[in-house]
Protein backbone atom coordinates (compact mmCIF):
# COMPACT_ATOMS: atom_id res chain seq x y z
CA MET A 1 27.90 19.58 -28.57
CA ARG A 2 25.03 17.08 -27.52
CA ALA A 3 25.60 14.67 -24.99
CA LYS A 4 25.73 11.12 -26.16
CA PHE A 5 24.30 9.49 -23.12
CA ILE A 6 21.37 10.26 -21.02
CA TYR A 7 21.78 8.51 -17.51
CA GLU A 8 18.43 7.94 -15.63
CA LYS A 9 17.93 6.83 -12.27
CA PHE A 10 15.30 4.27 -13.39
CA THR A 11 16.09 0.84 -14.84
CA ASP A 12 13.73 -1.54 -16.56
CA GLU A 13 13.86 -3.94 -13.22
CA SER A 14 12.73 -0.88 -10.89
CA ASP A 15 9.36 0.24 -10.63
CA PRO A 16 9.32 4.27 -11.20
CA ILE A 17 6.44 5.07 -9.15
CA LYS A 18 7.92 3.40 -6.25
CA ASP A 19 11.31 4.89 -6.69
CA MET A 20 9.67 8.44 -6.72
CA GLY A 21 7.74 7.55 -3.46
CA ILE A 22 4.51 8.26 -5.01
CA GLY A 23 1.32 5.89 -5.23
CA MET A 24 -1.14 4.40 -3.36
CA LEU A 25 0.99 2.19 -1.92
CA HIS A 26 3.39 4.69 -0.66
CA ARG A 27 0.45 6.55 0.63
CA ILE A 28 -0.67 2.97 2.75
CA GLU A 29 2.90 2.57 3.61
CA GLU A 30 2.94 6.18 5.42
CA TRP A 31 -0.27 5.70 7.21
CA ILE A 32 0.85 2.51 8.58
CA LYS A 33 3.90 4.44 10.02
CA THR A 34 1.62 7.00 11.51
CA LEU A 35 0.05 4.15 13.88
CA LYS A 36 3.39 3.63 15.55
CA MET A 37 2.89 -0.10 15.77
CA TRP A 38 5.83 -2.30 16.97
CA TYR A 39 5.74 -4.88 14.09
CA PRO A 40 3.91 -3.40 11.27
CA PRO A 41 2.97 -5.68 8.38
CA ALA A 42 4.90 -5.50 5.22
CA ILE A 43 3.34 -3.92 2.28
CA THR A 44 3.54 -7.02 0.48
CA ASN A 45 1.48 -9.07 2.79
CA ILE A 46 -1.93 -7.82 1.44
CA ASP A 47 -3.80 -9.79 4.14
CA ALA A 48 -2.47 -7.92 7.11
CA VAL A 49 -2.43 -4.62 5.35
CA LEU A 50 -6.14 -4.91 4.34
CA GLU A 51 -7.06 -6.18 7.78
CA LEU A 52 -5.18 -3.45 9.35
CA CYS A 53 -7.11 -0.88 7.06
CA ILE A 54 -10.30 -2.62 8.03
CA GLN A 55 -9.81 -2.41 11.90
CA ASN A 56 -8.13 0.91 12.19
CA GLY A 57 -9.95 2.99 9.79
CA SER A 58 -12.12 4.95 12.49
CA GLY A 59 -9.97 8.03 12.37
CA ASN A 60 -10.51 8.79 8.79
CA LYS A 61 -13.05 6.73 7.04
CA ALA A 62 -12.62 8.34 3.56
CA LEU A 63 -8.94 7.51 3.55
CA THR A 64 -9.01 4.26 4.70
CA ASN A 65 -12.01 3.26 2.44
CA GLU A 66 -9.87 4.47 -0.38
CA PHE A 67 -7.05 2.12 0.74
CA ILE A 68 -9.55 -0.62 0.89
CA ASN A 69 -10.88 0.05 -2.35
CA PHE A 70 -7.48 -0.05 -3.68
CA LEU A 71 -6.19 -3.01 -2.05
CA ILE A 72 -9.33 -5.14 -2.95
CA ASN A 73 -9.40 -3.96 -6.96
CA ALA A 74 -5.37 -4.08 -7.58
CA TYR A 75 -4.62 -7.46 -5.84
CA ASP A 76 -6.30 -10.83 -6.04
CA ASN A 77 -3.75 -12.54 -3.66
CA TYR A 78 -5.49 -12.05 -0.56
CA ASP A 79 -7.54 -14.44 1.43
CA LYS A 80 -10.99 -12.97 0.87
CA ASP A 81 -12.67 -14.98 3.62
CA GLU A 82 -10.22 -13.64 6.16
CA ALA A 83 -10.92 -10.07 5.07
CA LEU A 84 -14.63 -10.63 5.49
CA LYS A 85 -14.00 -11.93 8.94
CA SER A 86 -12.21 -9.01 9.95
CA CYS A 87 -15.06 -6.81 8.80
CA ILE A 88 -17.46 -8.08 11.41
CA LEU A 89 -16.84 -6.81 14.85
């Protein structure tokens, strides 16, 4: 006998990539956790995450460059002037 219903974990309202714990945003969140900050920025605050990637990228430049490129290309809701200011040290 065949099953009539298939129950899936994912719904139309959810994001399957986020639900599975994969993808670039998940990698960025995991990297932020390794920094052991008191108040890490929320992943939805692109300005703060981008600034954090720029300022703390000395450990693994290839990885943080990948994060920065992703954030710049995937999102357009960040303050470009503030991101450029944090590049100037």
